[in-house]
Protein backbone atom coordinates (compact mmCIF):
# COMPACT_ATOMS: atom_id res chain seq x y z
CA UNK A 1 200.87 64.50 123.70
CA UNK A 2 202.99 63.27 120.80
CA UNK A 3 204.75 59.95 120.97
CA UNK A 4 206.23 57.33 118.69
CA UNK A 5 205.98 53.59 119.17
CA UNK A 6 209.09 51.52 118.67
CA UNK A 7 209.05 49.22 115.64
CA UNK A 8 207.42 45.97 116.71
CA UNK A 9 205.61 47.53 119.69
CA UNK A 10 201.94 46.71 120.21
CA UNK A 11 199.69 49.40 118.80
CA UNK A 12 197.25 51.19 121.07
CA UNK A 13 193.70 49.93 120.54
CA UNK A 14 191.25 52.04 118.58
CA UNK A 15 187.64 51.84 117.46
CA UNK A 16 186.99 54.17 114.55
CA UNK A 17 184.40 54.60 111.81
CA UNK A 18 185.79 53.78 108.37
CA UNK A 19 185.11 55.22 104.96
CA UNK A 20 183.60 51.87 103.86
CA UNK A 21 180.70 52.29 106.32
CA UNK A 22 182.11 49.89 108.94
CA UNK A 23 183.91 50.53 112.21
CA UNK A 24 187.24 48.89 112.98
CA UNK A 25 189.33 48.22 116.05
CA UNK A 26 192.79 46.77 116.42
CA UNK A 27 191.39 43.26 116.89
CA UNK A 28 189.93 43.35 113.35
CA UNK A 29 193.51 43.11 112.08
CA UNK A 30 194.68 40.30 114.36
CA UNK A 31 195.29 37.95 111.43
CA UNK A 32 197.67 40.39 109.72
CA UNK A 33 201.35 39.44 109.84
CA UNK A 34 202.17 43.14 109.74
CA UNK A 35 199.89 46.11 110.38
CA UNK A 36 200.88 49.43 108.85
CA UNK A 37 199.24 52.39 110.57
CA UNK A 38 199.52 55.59 108.62
CA UNK A 39 198.07 59.01 109.13
CA UNK A 40 196.36 60.76 106.26
CA UNK A 41 194.31 63.84 105.48
CA UNK A 42 192.75 65.69 102.56
CA UNK A 43 194.56 69.02 102.79
CA UNK A 44 198.27 68.08 102.73
CA UNK A 45 199.86 68.11 99.28
CA UNK A 46 202.46 65.53 100.38
CA UNK A 47 199.74 63.09 101.43
CA UNK A 48 197.68 63.76 98.31
CA UNK A 49 200.79 63.24 96.20
CA UNK A 50 201.40 59.83 97.74
CA UNK A 51 197.84 58.48 97.40
CA UNK A 52 198.58 56.31 94.38
CA UNK A 53 201.78 54.85 95.86
CA UNK A 54 199.93 54.10 99.11
CA UNK A 55 197.09 52.36 97.24
CA UNK A 56 199.52 50.32 95.14
CA UNK A 57 201.51 49.34 98.24
CA UNK A 58 198.40 48.19 100.12
CA UNK A 59 197.30 46.08 97.14
CA UNK A 60 200.80 44.69 96.53
CA UNK A 61 201.43 43.58 100.10
CA UNK A 62 197.92 42.37 101.04
CA UNK A 63 198.61 38.85 99.66
CA UNK A 64 201.65 38.70 101.96
CA UNK A 65 199.51 39.33 105.05
CA UNK A 66 200.20 43.05 105.40
CA UNK A 67 197.23 45.22 106.36
CA UNK A 68 197.15 49.01 105.99
CA UNK A 69 195.05 51.31 108.18
CA UNK A 70 194.92 55.01 107.39
CA UNK A 71 193.72 57.32 110.15
CA UNK A 72 192.80 60.97 109.74
CA UNK A 73 193.46 62.64 113.08
CA UNK A 74 192.79 66.17 111.87
CA UNK A 75 189.86 68.27 112.97
CA UNK A 76 187.24 69.48 110.52
CA UNK A 77 187.33 72.68 112.57
CA UNK A 78 190.91 73.28 111.46
CA UNK A 79 190.66 71.89 107.92
CA UNK A 80 187.10 71.68 106.60
CA UNK A 81 188.27 69.47 103.73
CA UNK A 82 189.36 66.84 106.29
CA UNK A 83 185.83 66.11 107.52
CA UNK A 84 184.54 62.55 107.36
CA UNK A 85 182.34 62.97 104.28
CA UNK A 86 185.27 64.41 102.32
CA UNK A 87 187.44 61.48 103.41
CA UNK A 88 184.78 59.04 102.16
CA UNK A 89 184.67 60.84 98.81
CA UNK A 90 188.49 60.81 98.50
CA UNK A 91 188.78 57.11 99.26
CA UNK A 92 186.10 56.31 96.64
CA UNK A 93 187.75 58.59 94.08
CA UNK A 94 191.09 56.82 94.49
CA UNK A 95 189.66 53.29 94.80
CA UNK A 96 191.47 52.92 98.11
CA UNK A 97 191.31 49.44 99.63
C-alpha cells in the first residue's frame, strides 16, 4: 500500500541493517532537528546520477542538525544489483556518510 506522509508528520518507526554494519531505528535519529528519509537503489539511473549531490547535501547539512537516511526498499529478486552486499559496495565506493 503506497502512502505519503505530510511534511512534518512523525515517521513510522523502522529497524533496519545499515551498510556501515550497524542497525538503526527511528530513535537513533532523535537528536536530529530534521530527518530526511530518502529511498535509493542500485539499478535506477536517476538515483545513480544523484549520488554525488545526495552525499554533498548530507555532508553540508549535518552541521545544522539534519540527518539523512537512505532506504532501499527494492527486492533482490526483482533487481539482483539491489541486494544488500551490492548496496554496501556502492556506499563504500561513493564515500556515503
